[in-house]
Amino acid sequence: MPVISEPTQFNEDDLYVDLRAALGLPLFLKCEGFNFAGSVKLKAATEMVNAAEREGVLRPGSVMVESSSGNLGVALSMIAASRGYGFLCVTDSRCNPATRRMMEALGSVVHVIDEPDLHGGFLGARIAYVSAVCASDDRYVWLNQYANEGNWRAHYRTTAPAIARRFPHLDVLFVGAGTTGTLMGCARWFWQQRRRVRIVAVDTVGSVTFGGPPAPRMIPGLGMAVRPPLLDESYVDDVVHVPEPDTLRACRRLAARGFLFGGSTGTVVSGATDWLARYGRRNLTAVAIAPDLGERYLDTVHSPGWGVNVHGEDTLGGSGELAALSHPA
């Protein structure tokens, strides 16, 4: 077992869940939540902070500031605490209460935006607040996950090569699309290595990332209210859009098997299941990236009445629905 001196030094990068028995489809789930930040965002946060330190942008006395729906905020809170920086996370009312409390427990300040921007939604309002804060005090440093190339480089260096080592004959990779850092890093690596891997982006209904119409989204994580600056669609082979009720069903079906994952993971699994049921073959090797675990979603995604209150329908799904995940390929 490793001996570490700061939390970024531990990240379990080679844990997969074999979902073939649960889904009846050829899918392995790469678990990215087993680190002290609890999500895949630790990789991007570490890469961006390290680059800012090398470039002299982050100095003693600096206060990092970032717009985040939750997971990156926790990762930056952890890094700020371990390295002696301040951190201001600008989030919005959809951020899980447990996530806010985690950031505050780590010493960060959390500012919650309650009203969306007229044209840019909650994201636009968050970025406007960040810009105003940075303009008011030069101690504040905005890492800007939406345009920072360290976001995708982290996954180019680590995530994609790790998958390729474990699955040298990979056919399909499913990646959730938020800022698209994970998506672009993995897609670029496989393209540049000339690996014939089909890259399928999984987005949520209501996100405008791939040109869909905007609509309210209640589950934080995947999806964007504006087109992500990092996105290059030429690296993406297919896109699957997942309605939020399907995300909830996927999370609860996995929980019924003993695997408690978060909303982003539920979206990716639902999208992968749909794609494989329509296009897959039994002999495919497919991997989906699970960005997070489920503890932070106990009051929302995994709360029995939350989906009913938010979407006006029963999204719980009984044990009999487990079989509905298994479709003829």
Protein backbone atom coordinates (compact mmCIF):
# COMPACT_ATOMS: atom_id res chain seq x y z
CA MET A 1 0.00 0.00 0.00
CA PRO A 2 1.28 3.53 -0.74
CA VAL A 3 2.43 6.00 1.88
CA ILE A 4 1.42 9.53 0.88
CA SER A 5 2.10 13.03 2.17
CA GLU A 6 -0.66 14.90 0.32
CA PRO A 7 -4.08 13.74 -0.91
CA THR A 8 -3.39 14.13 -4.63
CA GLN A 9 -0.82 11.33 -4.43
CA PHE A 10 -3.49 8.63 -4.15
CA ASN A 11 -5.86 7.80 -6.99
CA GLU A 12 -7.00 4.25 -7.76
CA ASP A 13 -6.76 4.24 -11.55
CA ASP A 14 -7.25 0.59 -12.43
CA LEU A 15 -10.58 -0.50 -10.93
CA TYR A 16 -13.31 -1.73 -13.27
CA VAL A 17 -16.77 -3.19 -12.65
CA ASP A 18 -17.83 -5.98 -15.01
CA LEU A 19 -21.46 -5.15 -15.83
CA ARG A 20 -22.04 -8.02 -18.25
CA ALA A 21 -24.04 -10.05 -15.75
CA ALA A 22 -26.07 -7.04 -14.57
CA LEU A 23 -26.84 -5.64 -18.02
CA GLY A 24 -26.62 -8.60 -20.33
CA LEU A 25 -24.39 -6.37 -22.45
CA PRO A 26 -20.60 -6.24 -22.92
CA LEU A 27 -19.71 -3.28 -20.70
CA PHE A 28 -16.95 -2.59 -18.18
CA LEU A 29 -17.20 0.45 -15.93
CA LYS A 30 -13.97 2.32 -15.12
CA CYS A 31 -14.39 3.68 -11.58
CA GLU A 32 -12.81 7.12 -11.14
CA GLY A 33 -14.22 7.95 -7.72
CA PHE A 34 -11.71 6.16 -5.49
CA ASN A 35 -9.56 9.09 -4.38
CA PHE A 36 -9.81 11.68 -1.63
CA ALA A 37 -11.84 14.02 -3.86
CA GLY A 38 -14.27 11.25 -4.78
CA SER A 39 -14.38 11.85 -8.52
CA VAL A 40 -12.57 11.97 -11.84
CA LYS A 41 -12.19 15.74 -11.38
CA LEU A 42 -9.15 15.21 -9.16
CA LYS A 43 -7.08 14.57 -12.29
CA ALA A 44 -8.03 17.82 -14.02
CA ALA A 45 -7.76 19.83 -10.80
CA THR A 46 -4.25 18.54 -10.11
CA GLU A 47 -3.09 19.16 -13.68
CA MET A 48 -4.44 22.73 -13.73
CA VAL A 49 -3.06 23.65 -10.31
CA ASN A 50 0.36 22.19 -11.07
CA ALA A 51 0.54 24.15 -14.33
CA ALA A 52 -0.51 27.38 -12.61
CA GLU A 53 2.20 26.86 -9.99
CA ARG A 54 4.86 26.18 -12.63
CA GLU A 55 3.86 29.32 -14.52
CA GLY A 56 3.92 31.46 -11.36
CA VAL A 57 0.22 32.27 -11.59
CA LEU A 58 -0.48 30.66 -8.21
CA ARG A 59 1.71 32.12 -5.47
CA PRO A 60 1.64 32.23 -1.67
CA GLY A 61 -1.45 34.20 -0.70
CA SER A 62 -3.37 33.36 -3.87
CA VAL A 63 -7.04 32.48 -3.70
CA MET A 64 -8.24 30.08 -6.35
CA VAL A 65 -11.73 30.69 -7.70
CA GLU A 66 -13.71 28.41 -9.96
CA SER A 67 -17.21 27.87 -11.27
CA SER A 68 -18.25 24.30 -10.49
CA SER A 69 -21.41 22.26 -10.13
CA GLY A 70 -19.68 20.25 -7.41
CA ASN A 71 -17.02 17.64 -8.11
CA LEU A 72 -14.27 19.95 -9.36
CA GLY A 73 -15.04 22.24 -6.45
CA VAL A 74 -14.39 19.41 -3.99
CA ALA A 75 -11.13 18.49 -5.75
CA LEU A 76 -9.90 22.09 -5.71
CA SER A 77 -10.98 22.48 -2.07
CA MET A 78 -8.85 19.49 -1.18
CA ILE A 79 -5.82 20.75 -3.09
CA ALA A 80 -6.18 24.28 -1.71
CA ALA A 81 -6.26 22.94 1.84
CA SER A 82 -3.23 20.71 1.32
CA ARG A 83 -1.13 23.43 -0.36
CA GLY A 84 -2.14 26.46 1.67
CA TYR A 85 -4.27 28.40 -0.83
CA GLY A 86 -7.67 29.91 -0.33
CA PHE A 87 -10.51 28.70 -2.54
CA LEU A 88 -13.83 30.25 -3.54
CA CYS A 89 -16.24 27.92 -5.32
CA VAL A 90 -19.02 29.59 -7.26
CA THR A 91 -21.83 27.10 -7.73
CA ASP A 92 -25.60 27.24 -8.07
CA SER A 93 -28.72 25.96 -6.33
CA ARG A 94 -28.52 22.55 -8.06
CA CYS A 95 -25.30 21.66 -6.22
CA ASN A 96 -25.89 18.81 -3.78
CA PRO A 97 -26.00 19.95 -0.12
CA ALA A 98 -23.49 17.25 0.83
CA THR A 99 -21.06 18.58 -1.77
CA ARG A 100 -21.32 22.11 -0.42
CA ARG A 101 -20.69 20.86 3.10
CA MET A 102 -17.64 18.92 1.97
CA MET A 103 -16.10 22.02 0.41
CA GLU A 104 -16.79 24.07 3.52
CA ALA A 105 -15.36 21.34 5.75
CA LEU A 106 -12.15 21.61 3.74
CA GLY A 107 -11.98 25.35 4.46
CA SER A 108 -13.37 26.71 1.20
CA VAL A 109 -15.91 29.48 0.73
CA VAL A 110 -18.96 28.47 -1.31
CA HIS A 111 -21.04 31.10 -3.09
CA VAL A 112 -24.38 29.86 -4.42
CA ILE A 113 -25.98 31.53 -7.44
CA ASP A 114 -29.78 31.42 -7.10
CA GLU A 115 -30.86 33.12 -10.33
CA PRO A 116 -29.81 32.04 -13.83
CA ASP A 117 -28.52 34.48 -16.43
CA LEU A 118 -31.15 35.40 -19.02
CA HIS A 119 -29.14 33.89 -21.90
CA GLY A 120 -26.35 31.83 -20.30
CA GLY A 121 -28.39 30.09 -17.59
CA PHE A 122 -26.80 29.23 -14.26
CA LEU A 123 -23.42 28.70 -15.90
CA GLY A 124 -23.46 32.18 -17.40
CA ALA A 125 -24.40 33.68 -14.05
CA ARG A 126 -21.61 31.74 -12.30
CA ILE A 127 -18.96 32.84 -14.78
CA ALA A 128 -20.11 36.46 -14.55
CA TYR A 129 -19.67 36.32 -10.78
CA VAL A 130 -16.20 34.76 -11.10
CA SER A 131 -15.14 37.46 -13.57
CA ALA A 132 -16.33 40.21 -11.23
CA VAL A 133 -14.47 38.72 -8.27
CA CYS A 134 -11.22 38.39 -10.22
CA ALA A 135 -11.51 41.97 -11.50
CA SER A 136 -11.94 43.26 -7.96
CA ASP A 137 -8.84 41.66 -6.37
CA ASP A 138 -5.65 40.38 -8.03
CA ARG A 139 -5.21 37.71 -5.36
CA TYR A 140 -7.95 35.70 -7.05
CA VAL A 141 -6.85 33.21 -9.71
CA TRP A 142 -9.45 31.67 -12.03
CA LEU A 143 -8.22 28.34 -13.39
CA ASN A 144 -11.14 28.29 -15.87
CA GLN A 145 -11.84 24.59 -16.30
CA TYR A 146 -13.95 25.36 -19.39
CA ALA A 147 -11.00 26.58 -21.49
CA ASN A 148 -7.94 25.32 -19.58
CA GLU A 149 -6.08 22.76 -21.71
CA GLY A 150 -4.85 21.09 -18.55
CA ASN A 151 -8.41 19.79 -18.23
CA TRP A 152 -8.06 17.46 -21.23
CA ARG A 153 -4.31 16.91 -20.93
CA ALA A 154 -4.82 15.22 -17.56
CA HIS A 155 -6.84 12.48 -19.26
CA TYR A 156 -4.55 12.31 -22.27
CA ARG A 157 -1.68 11.55 -19.88
CA THR A 158 -3.47 9.21 -17.48
CA THR A 159 -7.01 8.00 -18.18
CA ALA A 160 -6.76 6.93 -21.82
CA PRO A 161 -3.41 5.10 -21.50
CA ALA A 162 -4.68 3.28 -18.40
CA ILE A 163 -7.74 2.04 -20.31
CA ALA A 164 -5.60 0.98 -23.27
CA ARG A 165 -3.26 -1.01 -21.03
CA ARG A 166 -6.15 -2.86 -19.40
CA PHE A 167 -8.16 -3.36 -22.61
CA PRO A 168 -5.71 -3.52 -25.54
CA HIS A 169 -8.51 -4.63 -27.89
CA LEU A 170 -11.05 -1.99 -26.87
CA ASP A 171 -13.82 -1.40 -29.41
CA VAL A 172 -15.98 1.33 -27.85
CA LEU A 173 -15.40 3.96 -25.16
CA PHE A 174 -18.32 5.84 -23.55
CA VAL A 175 -17.45 9.17 -21.96
CA GLY A 176 -19.77 11.67 -20.30
CA ALA A 177 -19.69 15.21 -21.68
CA GLY A 178 -19.51 18.12 -19.24
CA THR A 179 -16.65 20.53 -19.85
CA THR A 180 -15.51 17.74 -22.25
CA GLY A 181 -12.06 17.54 -20.67
CA THR A 182 -12.27 13.78 -20.08
CA LEU A 183 -13.86 13.24 -23.48
CA MET A 184 -11.28 15.26 -25.42
CA GLY A 185 -8.28 13.90 -23.56
CA CYS A 186 -9.28 10.28 -24.15
CA ALA A 187 -10.44 10.82 -27.73
CA ARG A 188 -7.23 12.65 -28.70
CA TRP A 189 -5.04 9.93 -27.19
CA PHE A 190 -6.75 7.07 -29.01
CA TRP A 191 -6.75 9.03 -32.28
CA GLN A 192 -3.08 9.96 -32.03
CA GLN A 193 -2.15 6.41 -31.10
CA ARG A 194 -4.11 5.24 -34.15
CA ARG A 195 -6.22 2.93 -32.05
CA ARG A 196 -9.47 2.04 -33.80
CA VAL A 197 -11.73 2.83 -30.86
CA ARG A 198 -15.22 4.23 -31.35
CA ILE A 199 -15.68 7.27 -29.08
CA VAL A 200 -19.27 7.74 -27.91
CA ALA A 201 -20.07 10.94 -26.01
CA VAL A 202 -22.89 10.71 -23.48
CA ASP A 203 -24.76 13.94 -22.78
CA THR A 204 -27.92 14.79 -20.92
CA VAL A 205 -31.16 16.01 -22.49
CA GLY A 206 -31.32 19.78 -22.11
CA SER A 207 -27.60 20.30 -22.68
CA VAL A 208 -26.56 22.42 -25.67
CA THR A 209 -23.08 20.88 -26.01
CA PHE A 210 -23.85 19.07 -29.26
CA GLY A 211 -26.45 21.49 -30.57
CA GLY A 212 -29.54 20.28 -28.77
CA PRO A 213 -32.19 22.69 -27.49
CA PRO A 214 -31.65 24.03 -23.95
CA ALA A 215 -33.92 22.72 -21.19
CA PRO A 216 -33.84 22.69 -17.39
CA ARG A 217 -31.46 20.13 -15.87
CA MET A 218 -31.57 19.25 -12.18
CA ILE A 219 -28.75 16.71 -11.84
CA PRO A 220 -25.34 18.44 -11.62
CA GLY A 221 -22.33 17.16 -13.48
CA LEU A 222 -22.84 16.45 -17.16
CA GLY A 223 -24.30 18.84 -19.70
CA MET A 224 -23.63 22.50 -20.45
CA ALA A 225 -25.72 25.62 -21.01
CA VAL A 226 -23.13 26.92 -23.50
CA ARG A 227 -20.94 25.08 -25.99
CA PRO A 228 -17.72 23.96 -24.23
CA PRO A 229 -14.65 25.75 -25.64
CA LEU A 230 -12.60 22.54 -25.33
CA LEU A 231 -14.91 20.48 -27.54
CA ASP A 232 -13.72 19.33 -30.97
CA GLU A 233 -16.48 17.17 -32.44
CA SER A 234 -14.21 15.72 -35.09
CA TYR A 235 -12.88 13.32 -32.42
CA VAL A 236 -16.38 12.07 -31.51
CA ASP A 237 -18.03 9.23 -33.42
CA ASP A 238 -21.49 9.17 -31.81
CA VAL A 239 -23.50 11.13 -29.25
CA VAL A 240 -26.21 9.73 -26.96
CA HIS A 241 -28.57 12.06 -25.07
CA VAL A 242 -30.03 10.69 -21.83
CA PRO A 243 -33.20 12.06 -20.15
CA GLU A 244 -32.79 12.62 -16.43
CA PRO A 245 -35.44 10.04 -15.43
CA ASP A 246 -33.29 7.43 -17.22
CA THR A 247 -30.27 8.60 -15.22
CA LEU A 248 -32.20 8.04 -11.99
CA ARG A 249 -33.31 4.58 -13.07
CA ALA A 250 -29.77 3.56 -13.99
CA CYS A 251 -28.39 4.78 -10.64
CA ARG A 252 -31.01 2.87 -8.69
CA ARG A 253 -30.64 -0.30 -10.75
CA LEU A 254 -26.90 -0.28 -10.10
CA ALA A 255 -27.60 0.34 -6.40
CA ALA A 256 -29.86 -2.72 -6.43
CA ARG A 257 -26.74 -4.69 -7.42
CA GLY A 258 -24.73 -3.15 -4.57
CA PHE A 259 -22.97 -0.44 -6.61
CA LEU A 260 -23.74 3.09 -5.39
CA PHE A 261 -22.76 5.59 -8.09
CA GLY A 262 -23.53 9.24 -8.70
CA GLY A 263 -25.68 11.02 -11.25
CA SER A 264 -22.96 11.44 -13.87
CA THR A 265 -22.22 7.73 -13.76
CA GLY A 266 -25.92 6.89 -14.05
CA THR A 267 -26.13 9.04 -17.17
CA VAL A 268 -23.09 7.38 -18.76
CA VAL A 269 -24.32 3.87 -17.96
CA SER A 270 -27.78 4.65 -19.30
CA GLY A 271 -26.35 6.07 -22.51
CA ALA A 272 -23.96 3.15 -22.96
CA THR A 273 -26.77 0.67 -22.35
CA ASP A 274 -28.95 2.34 -24.95
CA TRP A 275 -26.15 2.48 -27.55
CA LEU A 276 -25.08 -1.14 -27.01
CA ALA A 277 -28.65 -2.39 -27.14
CA ARG A 278 -29.13 -0.71 -30.52
CA TYR A 279 -25.73 -1.13 -32.17
CA GLY A 280 -23.60 -3.47 -30.09
CA ARG A 281 -22.56 -7.05 -30.57
CA ARG A 282 -22.00 -9.63 -27.88
CA ASN A 283 -18.32 -9.88 -28.74
CA LEU A 284 -17.61 -6.16 -28.40
CA THR A 285 -15.23 -4.87 -25.73
CA ALA A 286 -16.76 -1.69 -24.34
CA VAL A 287 -15.71 0.57 -21.46
CA ALA A 288 -17.66 3.41 -19.84
CA ILE A 289 -16.02 5.94 -17.54
CA ALA A 290 -17.77 6.35 -14.17
CA PRO A 291 -16.92 9.87 -12.96
CA ASP A 292 -18.21 9.66 -9.40
CA LEU A 293 -19.63 7.66 -6.51
CA GLY A 294 -23.06 7.95 -4.94
CA GLU A 295 -22.65 9.19 -1.37
CA ARG A 296 -23.11 12.85 -2.33
CA TYR A 297 -26.40 12.01 -4.04
CA LEU A 298 -28.19 10.44 -1.08
CA ASP A 299 -30.46 13.50 -0.73
CA THR A 300 -31.18 13.72 -4.47
CA VAL A 301 -30.62 10.91 -6.98
CA HIS A 302 -30.83 8.17 -4.36
CA SER A 303 -33.67 9.74 -2.37
CA PRO A 304 -36.93 7.84 -3.08
CA GLY A 305 -39.12 10.90 -3.56
CA TRP A 306 -36.68 13.26 -5.26
CA GLY A 307 -37.21 12.06 -8.82
CA VAL A 308 -40.98 12.18 -8.40
CA ASN A 309 -40.85 15.74 -7.06
CA VAL A 310 -38.49 16.95 -9.78
CA HIS A 311 -39.85 15.13 -12.83
CA GLY A 312 -43.44 14.46 -11.84
CA GLU A 313 -43.24 10.73 -12.43
CA ASP A 314 -42.16 7.60 -10.62
CA THR A 315 -38.52 7.00 -11.51
CA LEU A 316 -37.74 4.53 -8.76
CA GLY A 317 -37.84 1.32 -10.78
CA GLY A 318 -38.48 -1.99 -9.06
CA SER A 319 -36.36 -5.11 -9.01
CA GLY A 320 -38.31 -6.40 -11.98
CA GLU A 321 -36.94 -3.53 -14.04
CA LEU A 322 -33.41 -4.86 -13.68
CA ALA A 323 -34.19 -7.22 -16.52
CA ALA A 324 -35.19 -4.26 -18.68
CA LEU A 325 -31.54 -3.29 -18.93
CA SER A 326 -30.86 -6.49 -20.81
CA HIS A 327 -31.71 -6.14 -24.49
CA PRO A 328 -30.96 -8.40 -27.44
CA ALA A 329 -27.79 -7.15 -29.08
